C-alpha cells in the first residue's frame, strides 16, 4: 500500500462489487486511494493531482467506469474531470 496522503478528488460511478478491486489497482500503481460512499453511491477518493491518472489506470484495468471529459484550467497544476458522457466497459 502506498504512503497515505490527502484525498480530495473523487471518482464516481464504479460498481460497488468492483470498488475494492479498483482501489487495489491504484495501490499497485503506487497511488494512494480510499473507497467510500458518496451522496449518489460508491466513490474512490484520490489526491487531486493524481485524479486523471487514477481514472485512466482504472479504465485500463477493465473495470466499468463512466467516461469523463477532462478539462485543464488555466494556471492549474492538475486537470479536472467533469461531466459523465457514457460508461466504458472493456
PDB file of N, CA and C in Angstrom:
ATOM      1  N   UNK A   1       0.848  -1.182   0.000  1.00  0.00           N
ATOM      2  CA  UNK A   1       0.000   0.000   0.000  1.00  0.00           C
ATOM      3  C   UNK A   1       0.892   1.243   0.000  1.00  0.00           C
ATOM      4  N   UNK A   2       0.568   2.222  -0.850  1.00  0.00           N
ATOM      5  CA  UNK A   2       1.366   3.457  -0.884  1.00  0.00           C
ATOM      6  C   UNK A   2       1.195   4.278   0.394  1.00  0.00           C
ATOM      7  N   UNK A   3       2.083   5.221   0.560  1.00  0.00           N
ATOM      8  CA  UNK A   3       2.020   6.097   1.731  1.00  0.00           C
ATOM      9  C   UNK A   3       0.743   6.932   1.702  1.00  0.00           C
ATOM     10  N   UNK A   4       0.125   7.097   2.867  1.00  0.00           N
ATOM     11  CA  UNK A   4      -1.133   7.838   2.980  1.00  0.00           C
ATOM     12  C   UNK A   4      -0.912   9.313   2.636  1.00  0.00           C
ATOM     13  N   UNK A   5      -1.899   9.899   1.925  1.00  0.00           N
ATOM     14  CA  UNK A   5      -1.844  11.313   1.568  1.00  0.00           C
ATOM     15  C   UNK A   5      -3.257  11.889   1.560  1.00  0.00           C
ATOM     16  N   UNK A   6      -3.355  13.201   1.430  1.00  0.00           N
ATOM     17  CA  UNK A   6      -4.649  13.870   1.408  1.00  0.00           C
ATOM     18  C   UNK A   6      -5.411  13.477   0.148  1.00  0.00           C
ATOM     19  N   UNK A   7      -6.668  13.068   0.334  1.00  0.00           N
ATOM     20  CA  UNK A   7      -7.508  12.677  -0.802  1.00  0.00           C
ATOM     21  C   UNK A   7      -8.719  13.601  -0.861  1.00  0.00           C
ATOM     22  N   UNK A   8      -8.802  14.402  -1.923  1.00  0.00           N
ATOM     23  CA  UNK A   8      -9.909  15.356  -2.050  1.00  0.00           C
ATOM     24  C   UNK A   8     -10.688  15.182  -3.348  1.00  0.00           C
ATOM     25  N   UNK A   9     -10.117  14.481  -4.319  1.00  0.00           N
ATOM     26  CA  UNK A   9     -10.803  14.257  -5.599  1.00  0.00           C
ATOM     27  C   UNK A   9     -11.551  12.929  -5.541  1.00  0.00           C
ATOM     28  N   UNK A  10     -12.674  12.848  -6.251  1.00  0.00           N
ATOM     29  CA  UNK A  10     -13.450  11.608  -6.247  1.00  0.00           C
ATOM     30  C   UNK A  10     -13.614  11.061  -7.654  1.00  0.00           C
ATOM     31  N   UNK A  11     -13.679   9.752  -7.727  1.00  0.00           N
ATOM     32  CA  UNK A  11     -14.005   9.041  -8.956  1.00  0.00           C
ATOM     33  C   UNK A  11     -15.302   8.308  -8.656  1.00  0.00           C
ATOM     34  N   UNK A  12     -16.338   8.637  -9.395  1.00  0.00           N
ATOM     35  CA  UNK A  12     -17.674   8.101  -9.126  1.00  0.00           C
ATOM     36  C   UNK A  12     -18.104   7.126 -10.207  1.00  0.00           C
ATOM     37  N   UNK A  13     -19.147   6.373  -9.928  1.00  0.00           N
ATOM     38  CA  UNK A  13     -19.770   5.531 -10.931  1.00  0.00           C
ATOM     39  C   UNK A  13     -19.262   4.113 -11.002  1.00  0.00           C
ATOM     40  N   UNK A  14     -18.366   3.737 -10.113  1.00  0.00           N
ATOM     41  CA  UNK A  14     -17.850   2.369 -10.108  1.00  0.00           C
ATOM     42  C   UNK A  14     -18.836   1.481  -9.372  1.00  0.00           C
ATOM     43  N   UNK A  15     -19.074   0.320  -9.919  1.00  0.00           N
ATOM     44  CA  UNK A  15     -19.987  -0.638  -9.292  1.00  0.00           C
ATOM     45  C   UNK A  15     -19.462  -1.033  -7.914  1.00  0.00           C
ATOM     46  N   UNK A  16     -20.356  -1.157  -6.960  1.00  0.00           N
ATOM     47  CA  UNK A  16     -19.980  -1.489  -5.579  1.00  0.00           C
ATOM     48  C   UNK A  16     -19.200  -2.795  -5.503  1.00  0.00           C
ATOM     49  N   UNK A  17     -19.495  -3.733  -6.416  1.00  0.00           N
ATOM     50  CA  UNK A  17     -18.819  -5.026  -6.404  1.00  0.00           C
ATOM     51  C   UNK A  17     -17.373  -4.920  -6.911  1.00  0.00           C
ATOM     52  N   UNK A  18     -17.039  -3.832  -7.594  1.00  0.00           N
ATOM     53  CA  UNK A  18     -15.690  -3.648  -8.123  1.00  0.00           C
ATOM     54  C   UNK A  18     -14.910  -2.544  -7.407  1.00  0.00           C
ATOM     55  N   UNK A  19     -15.497  -1.984  -6.384  1.00  0.00           N
ATOM     56  CA  UNK A  19     -14.902  -0.835  -5.700  1.00  0.00           C
ATOM     57  C   UNK A  19     -13.534  -1.152  -5.105  1.00  0.00           C
ATOM     58  N   UNK A  20     -13.438  -2.209  -4.330  1.00  0.00           N
ATOM     59  CA  UNK A  20     -12.166  -2.558  -3.685  1.00  0.00           C
ATOM     60  C   UNK A  20     -11.130  -3.017  -4.709  1.00  0.00           C
ATOM     61  N   UNK A  21     -11.582  -3.653  -5.784  1.00  0.00           N
ATOM     62  CA  UNK A  21     -10.655  -4.041  -6.856  1.00  0.00           C
ATOM     63  C   UNK A  21     -10.032  -2.801  -7.484  1.00  0.00           C
ATOM     64  N   UNK A  22     -10.827  -1.767  -7.681  1.00  0.00           N
ATOM     65  CA  UNK A  22     -10.330  -0.519  -8.268  1.00  0.00           C
ATOM     66  C   UNK A  22      -9.303   0.146  -7.348  1.00  0.00           C
ATOM     67  N   UNK A  23      -9.560   0.114  -6.049  1.00  0.00           N
ATOM     68  CA  UNK A  23      -8.599   0.687  -5.089  1.00  0.00           C
ATOM     69  C   UNK A  23      -7.279  -0.077  -5.163  1.00  0.00           C
ATOM     70  N   UNK A  24      -7.350  -1.390  -5.244  1.00  0.00           N
ATOM     71  CA  UNK A  24      -6.128  -2.207  -5.329  1.00  0.00           C
ATOM     72  C   UNK A  24      -5.353  -1.939  -6.626  1.00  0.00           C
ATOM     73  N   UNK A  25      -6.075  -1.678  -7.709  1.00  0.00           N
ATOM     74  CA  UNK A  25      -5.415  -1.325  -8.972  1.00  0.00           C
ATOM     75  C   UNK A  25      -4.571  -0.069  -8.762  1.00  0.00           C
ATOM     76  N   UNK A  26      -5.133   0.923  -8.086  1.00  0.00           N
ATOM     77  CA  UNK A  26      -4.403   2.175  -7.842  1.00  0.00           C
ATOM     78  C   UNK A  26      -3.238   1.965  -6.896  1.00  0.00           C
ATOM     79  N   UNK A  27      -3.431   1.163  -5.851  1.00  0.00           N
ATOM     80  CA  UNK A  27      -2.331   0.878  -4.936  1.00  0.00           C
ATOM     81  C   UNK A  27      -1.177   0.212  -5.678  1.00  0.00           C
ATOM     82  N   UNK A  28      -1.506  -0.694  -6.597  1.00  0.00           N
ATOM     83  CA  UNK A  28      -0.490  -1.381  -7.394  1.00  0.00           C
ATOM     84  C   UNK A  28       0.333  -0.384  -8.209  1.00  0.00           C
ATOM     85  N   UNK A  29      -0.301   0.713  -8.633  1.00  0.00           N
ATOM     86  CA  UNK A  29       0.374   1.768  -9.389  1.00  0.00           C
ATOM     87  C   UNK A  29       0.977   2.824  -8.462  1.00  0.00           C
ATOM     88  N   UNK A  30       1.042   2.524  -7.175  1.00  0.00           N
ATOM     89  CA  UNK A  30       1.607   3.407  -6.144  1.00  0.00           C
ATOM     90  C   UNK A  30       0.843   4.730  -6.003  1.00  0.00           C
ATOM     91  N   UNK A  31      -0.479   4.654  -6.146  1.00  0.00           N
ATOM     92  CA  UNK A  31      -1.360   5.811  -5.932  1.00  0.00           C
ATOM     93  C   UNK A  31      -2.224   5.500  -4.714  1.00  0.00           C
ATOM     94  N   UNK A  32      -2.145   6.352  -3.703  1.00  0.00           N
ATOM     95  CA  UNK A  32      -2.959   6.134  -2.511  1.00  0.00           C
ATOM     96  C   UNK A  32      -4.418   6.459  -2.831  1.00  0.00           C
ATOM     97  N   UNK A  33      -5.313   5.559  -2.459  1.00  0.00           N
ATOM     98  CA  UNK A  33      -6.744   5.739  -2.708  1.00  0.00           C
ATOM     99  C   UNK A  33      -7.536   5.157  -1.547  1.00  0.00           C
ATOM    100  N   UNK A  34      -8.714   5.718  -1.333  1.00  0.00           N
ATOM    101  CA  UNK A  34      -9.651   5.214  -0.325  1.00  0.00           C
ATOM    102  C   UNK A  34     -11.005   5.034  -0.987  1.00  0.00           C
ATOM    103  N   UNK A  35     -11.728   4.012  -0.546  1.00  0.00           N
ATOM    104  CA  UNK A  35     -13.089   3.822  -1.052  1.00  0.00           C
ATOM    105  C   UNK A  35     -14.071   4.366  -0.035  1.00  0.00           C
ATOM    106  N   UNK A  36     -15.253   4.726  -0.506  1.00  0.00           N
ATOM    107  CA  UNK A  36     -16.268   5.251   0.396  1.00  0.00           C
ATOM    108  C   UNK A  36     -17.613   5.342  -0.297  1.00  0.00           C
ATOM    109  N   UNK A  37     -18.573   5.903   0.410  1.00  0.00           N
ATOM    110  CA  UNK A  37     -19.905   6.109  -0.148  1.00  0.00           C
ATOM    111  C   UNK A  37     -20.174   7.602  -0.227  1.00  0.00           C
ATOM    112  N   UNK A  38     -20.502   8.066  -1.420  1.00  0.00           N
ATOM    113  CA  UNK A  38     -20.864   9.461  -1.622  1.00  0.00           C
ATOM    114  C   UNK A  38     -22.382   9.602  -1.584  1.00  0.00           C
ATOM    115  N   UNK A  39     -22.866  10.764  -1.912  1.00  0.00           N
ATOM    116  CA  UNK A  39     -24.310  11.015  -1.907  1.00  0.00           C
ATOM    117  C   UNK A  39     -25.054  10.173  -2.941  1.00  0.00           C
ATOM    118  N   UNK A  40     -24.385   9.865  -4.047  1.00  0.00           N
ATOM    119  CA  UNK A  40     -25.059   9.127  -5.118  1.00  0.00           C
ATOM    120  C   UNK A  40     -24.558   7.691  -5.270  1.00  0.00           C
ATOM    121  N   UNK A  41     -23.692   7.245  -4.390  1.00  0.00           N
ATOM    122  CA  UNK A  41     -23.213   5.870  -4.467  1.00  0.00           C
ATOM    123  C   UNK A  41     -21.731   5.744  -4.155  1.00  0.00           C
ATOM    124  N   UNK A  42     -21.142   4.611  -4.535  1.00  0.00           N
ATOM    125  CA  UNK A  42     -19.732   4.345  -4.219  1.00  0.00           C
ATOM    126  C   UNK A  42     -18.786   5.324  -4.904  1.00  0.00           C
ATOM    127  N   UNK A  43     -17.713   5.677  -4.199  1.00  0.00           N
ATOM    128  CA  UNK A  43     -16.696   6.570  -4.758  1.00  0.00           C
ATOM    129  C   UNK A  43     -15.310   6.069  -4.370  1.00  0.00           C
ATOM    130  N   UNK A  44     -14.344   6.488  -5.139  1.00  0.00           N
ATOM    131  CA  UNK A  44     -12.940   6.315  -4.788  1.00  0.00           C
ATOM    132  C   UNK A  44     -12.370   7.704  -4.629  1.00  0.00           C
ATOM    133  N   UNK A  45     -11.660   7.922  -3.537  1.00  0.00           N
ATOM    134  CA  UNK A  45     -11.059   9.222  -3.274  1.00  0.00           C
ATOM    135  C   UNK A  45      -9.551   9.130  -3.484  1.00  0.00           C
ATOM    136  N   UNK A  46      -9.019  10.097  -4.245  1.00  0.00           N
ATOM    137  CA  UNK A  46      -7.593  10.159  -4.545  1.00  0.00           C
ATOM    138  C   UNK A  46      -7.114  11.596  -4.397  1.00  0.00           C
ATOM    139  N   UNK A  47      -5.805  11.766  -4.424  1.00  0.00           N
ATOM    140  CA  UNK A  47      -5.225  13.105  -4.395  1.00  0.00           C
ATOM    141  C   UNK A  47      -5.608  13.851  -5.666  1.00  0.00           C
ATOM    142  N   UNK A  48      -5.907  15.127  -5.557  1.00  0.00           N
ATOM    143  CA  UNK A  48      -6.345  15.957  -6.685  1.00  0.00           C
ATOM    144  C   UNK A  48      -5.371  15.906  -7.860  1.00  0.00           C
ATOM    145  N   UNK A  49      -4.090  15.895  -7.583  1.00  0.00           N
ATOM    146  CA  UNK A  49      -3.086  15.899  -8.647  1.00  0.00           C
ATOM    147  C   UNK A  49      -2.990  14.556  -9.367  1.00  0.00           C
ATOM    148  N   UNK A  50      -3.533  13.502  -8.773  1.00  0.00           N
ATOM    149  CA  UNK A  50      -3.463  12.165  -9.374  1.00  0.00           C
ATOM    150  C   UNK A  50      -4.818  11.684  -9.881  1.00  0.00           C
ATOM    151  N   UNK A  51      -5.793  12.575  -9.935  1.00  0.00           N
ATOM    152  CA  UNK A  51      -7.156  12.218 -10.305  1.00  0.00           C
ATOM    153  C   UNK A  51      -7.253  11.643 -11.719  1.00  0.00           C
ATOM    154  N   UNK A  52      -6.724  12.343 -12.690  1.00  0.00           N
ATOM    155  CA  UNK A  52      -6.833  11.907 -14.083  1.00  0.00           C
ATOM    156  C   UNK A  52      -6.044  10.619 -14.306  1.00  0.00           C
ATOM    157  N   UNK A  53      -4.850  10.551 -13.763  1.00  0.00           N
ATOM    158  CA  UNK A  53      -4.029   9.348 -13.910  1.00  0.00           C
ATOM    159  C   UNK A  53      -4.715   8.147 -13.264  1.00  0.00           C
ATOM    160  N   UNK A  54      -5.328   8.356 -12.100  1.00  0.00           N
ATOM    161  CA  UNK A  54      -6.050   7.288 -11.408  1.00  0.00           C
ATOM    162  C   UNK A  54      -7.209   6.787 -12.246  1.00  0.00           C
ATOM    163  N   UNK A  55      -7.947   7.710 -12.802  1.00  0.00           N
ATOM    164  CA  UNK A  55      -9.088   7.377 -13.651  1.00  0.00           C
ATOM    165  C   UNK A  55      -8.639   6.510 -14.829  1.00  0.00           C
ATOM    166  N   UNK A  56      -7.527   6.872 -15.434  1.00  0.00           N
ATOM    167  CA  UNK A  56      -7.019   6.112 -16.592  1.00  0.00           C
ATOM    168  C   UNK A  56      -6.573   4.708 -16.201  1.00  0.00           C
ATOM    169  N   UNK A  57      -5.910   4.568 -15.049  1.00  0.00           N
ATOM    170  CA  UNK A  57      -5.488   3.236 -14.598  1.00  0.00           C
ATOM    171  C   UNK A  57      -6.693   2.336 -14.348  1.00  0.00           C
ATOM    172  N   UNK A  58      -7.743   2.880 -13.772  1.00  0.00           N
ATOM    173  CA  UNK A  58      -8.943   2.076 -13.514  1.00  0.00           C
ATOM    174  C   UNK A  58      -9.568   1.638 -14.830  1.00  0.00           C
ATOM    175  N   UNK A  59      -9.651   2.545 -15.789  1.00  0.00           N
ATOM    176  CA  UNK A  59     -10.204   2.174 -17.106  1.00  0.00           C
ATOM    177  C   UNK A  59      -9.368   1.097 -17.774  1.00  0.00           C
ATOM    178  N   UNK A  60      -8.047   1.203 -17.688  1.00  0.00           N
ATOM    179  CA  UNK A  60      -7.165   0.204 -18.297  1.00  0.00           C
ATOM    180  C   UNK A  60      -7.338  -1.178 -17.666  1.00  0.00           C
ATOM    181  N   UNK A  61      -7.768  -1.214 -16.425  1.00  0.00           N
ATOM    182  CA  UNK A  61      -7.907  -2.487 -15.709  1.00  0.00           C
ATOM    183  C   UNK A  61      -9.201  -3.221 -16.055  1.00  0.00           C
ATOM    184  N   UNK A  62      -9.986  -2.645 -16.977  1.00  0.00           N
ATOM    185  CA  UNK A  62     -11.244  -3.246 -17.444  1.00  0.00           C
ATOM    186  C   UNK A  62     -12.372  -3.187 -16.417  1.00  0.00           C
ATOM    187  N   UNK A  63     -12.293  -2.261 -15.501  1.00  0.00           N
ATOM    188  CA  UNK A  63     -13.382  -2.020 -14.559  1.00  0.00           C
ATOM    189  C   UNK A  63     -14.314  -0.998 -15.196  1.00  0.00           C
ATOM    190  N   UNK A  64     -15.617  -1.266 -15.186  1.00  0.00           N
ATOM    191  CA  UNK A  64     -16.599  -0.344 -15.772  1.00  0.00           C
ATOM    192  C   UNK A  64     -16.608   0.959 -14.993  1.00  0.00           C
ATOM    193  N   UNK A  65     -16.521   2.050 -15.722  1.00  0.00           N
ATOM    194  CA  UNK A  65     -16.472   3.370 -15.090  1.00  0.00           C
ATOM    195  C   UNK A  65     -17.029   4.396 -16.080  1.00  0.00           C
ATOM    196  N   UNK A  66     -17.767   5.394 -15.606  1.00  0.00           N
ATOM    197  CA  UNK A  66     -18.257   6.425 -16.529  1.00  0.00           C
ATOM    198  C   UNK A  66     -17.093   7.184 -17.162  1.00  0.00           C
ATOM    199  N   UNK A  67     -17.185   7.424 -18.452  1.00  0.00           N
ATOM    200  CA  UNK A  67     -16.154   8.203 -19.139  1.00  0.00           C
ATOM    201  C   UNK A  67     -16.397   9.672 -18.826  1.00  0.00           C
ATOM    202  N   UNK A  68     -15.332  10.407 -18.547  1.00  0.00           N
ATOM    203  CA  UNK A  68     -15.468  11.812 -18.181  1.00  0.00           C
ATOM    204  C   UNK A  68     -14.696  12.694 -19.142  1.00  0.00           C
ATOM    205  N   UNK A  69     -15.148  13.917 -19.242  1.00  0.00           N
ATOM    206  CA  UNK A  69     -14.436  14.922 -20.023  1.00  0.00           C
ATOM    207  C   UNK A  69     -13.350  15.503 -19.122  1.00  0.00           C
ATOM    208  N   UNK A  70     -12.153  15.620 -19.659  1.00  0.00           N
ATOM    209  CA  UNK A  70     -11.045  16.152 -18.870  1.00  0.00           C
ATOM    210  C   UNK A  70     -10.803  17.602 -19.280  1.00  0.00           C
ATOM    211  N   UNK A  71     -10.845  18.475 -18.290  1.00  0.00           N
ATOM    212  CA  UNK A  71     -10.684  19.910 -18.528  1.00  0.00           C
ATOM    213  C   UNK A  71      -9.435  20.371 -17.783  1.00  0.00           C
ATOM    214  N   UNK A  72      -8.608  21.149 -18.449  1.00  0.00           N
ATOM    215  CA  UNK A  72      -7.439  21.719 -17.791  1.00  0.00           C
ATOM    216  C   UNK A  72      -7.696  23.208 -17.611  1.00  0.00           C
ATOM    217  N   UNK A  73      -7.762  23.647 -16.343  1.00  0.00           N
ATOM    218  CA  UNK A  73      -7.955  25.064 -16.067  1.00  0.00           C
ATOM    219  C   UNK A  73      -6.639  25.807 -16.231  1.00  0.00           C
ATOM    220  N   UNK A  74      -6.720  27.032 -16.701  1.00  0.00           N
ATOM    221  CA  UNK A  74      -5.522  27.850 -16.799  1.00  0.00           C
ATOM    222  C   UNK A  74      -4.954  28.077 -15.405  1.00  0.00           C
ATOM    223  N   UNK A  75      -3.636  28.094 -15.330  1.00  0.00           N
ATOM    224  CA  UNK A  75      -2.918  28.308 -14.068  1.00  0.00           C
ATOM    225  C   UNK A  75      -3.217  27.233 -13.037  1.00  0.00           C
ATOM    226  N   UNK A  76      -3.582  26.046 -13.484  1.00  0.00           N
ATOM    227  CA  UNK A  76      -3.844  24.945 -12.572  1.00  0.00           C
ATOM    228  C   UNK A  76      -2.827  23.843 -12.818  1.00  0.00           C
ATOM    229  N   UNK A  77      -2.355  23.222 -11.756  1.00  0.00           N
ATOM    230  CA  UNK A  77      -1.384  22.147 -11.888  1.00  0.00           C
ATOM    231  C   UNK A  77      -2.050  20.840 -12.310  1.00  0.00           C
ATOM    232  N   UNK A  78      -3.285  20.638 -11.893  1.00  0.00           N
ATOM    233  CA  UNK A  78      -3.944  19.350 -12.132  1.00  0.00           C
ATOM    234  C   UNK A  78      -5.177  19.516 -13.011  1.00  0.00           C
ATOM    235  N   UNK A  79      -5.324  18.650 -14.008  1.00  0.00           N
ATOM    236  CA  UNK A  79      -6.569  18.657 -14.793  1.00  0.00           C
ATOM    237  C   UNK A  79      -7.746  18.241 -13.917  1.00  0.00           C
ATOM    238  N   UNK A  80      -8.933  18.630 -14.288  1.00  0.00           N
ATOM    239  CA  UNK A  80     -10.132  18.315 -13.520  1.00  0.00           C
ATOM    240  C   UNK A  80     -11.071  17.492 -14.391  1.00  0.00           C
ATOM    241  N   UNK A  81     -11.582  16.396 -13.849  1.00  0.00           N
ATOM    242  CA  UNK A  81     -12.562  15.589 -14.575  1.00  0.00           C
ATOM    243  C   UNK A  81     -13.947  16.201 -14.348  1.00  0.00           C
ATOM    244  N   UNK A  82     -14.734  16.305 -15.415  1.00  0.00           N
ATOM    245  CA  UNK A  82     -16.036  16.921 -15.281  1.00  0.00           C
ATOM    246  C   UNK A  82     -17.008  16.333 -16.283  1.00  0.00           C
ATOM    247  N   UNK A  83     -18.170  15.967 -15.835  1.00  0.00           N
ATOM    248  CA  UNK A  83     -19.239  15.543 -16.730  1.00  0.00           C
ATOM    249  C   UNK A  83     -19.139  14.095 -17.191  1.00  0.00           C
ATOM    250  N   UNK A  84     -20.201  13.375 -17.061  1.00  0.00           N
ATOM    251  CA  UNK A  84     -20.237  11.976 -17.481  1.00  0.00           C
ATOM    252  C   UNK A  84     -20.820  11.897 -18.883  1.00  0.00           C
ATOM    253  N   UNK A  85     -20.145  11.229 -19.787  1.00  0.00           N
ATOM    254  CA  UNK A  85     -20.645  11.072 -21.149  1.00  0.00           C
ATOM    255  C   UNK A  85     -21.245   9.684 -21.365  1.00  0.00           C
ATOM    256  N   UNK A  86     -20.510   8.639 -21.098  1.00  0.00           N
ATOM    257  CA  UNK A  86     -21.047   7.296 -21.242  1.00  0.00           C
ATOM    258  C   UNK A  86     -20.183   6.318 -20.459  1.00  0.00           C
ATOM    259  N   UNK A  87     -20.659   5.113 -20.282  1.00  0.00           N
ATOM    260  CA  UNK A  87     -19.942   4.117 -19.490  1.00  0.00           C
ATOM    261  C   UNK A  87     -19.059   3.283 -20.398  1.00  0.00           C
ATOM    262  N   UNK A  88     -17.827   3.057 -19.936  1.00  0.00           N
ATOM    263  CA  UNK A  88     -16.868   2.262 -20.682  1.00  0.00           C
ATOM    264  C   UNK A  88     -16.695   0.926 -19.980  1.00  0.00           C
ATOM    265  N   UNK A  89     -17.017  -0.137 -20.659  1.00  0.00           N
ATOM    266  CA  UNK A  89     -16.798  -1.489 -20.142  1.00  0.00           C
ATOM    267  C   UNK A  89     -16.019  -2.246 -21.201  1.00  0.00           C
ATOM    268  N   UNK A  90     -14.772  -2.550 -20.929  1.00  0.00           N
ATOM    269  CA  UNK A  90     -13.942  -3.258 -21.913  1.00  0.00           C
ATOM    270  C   UNK A  90     -14.072  -4.759 -21.742  1.00  0.00           C
TER     271      UNK A  90
END
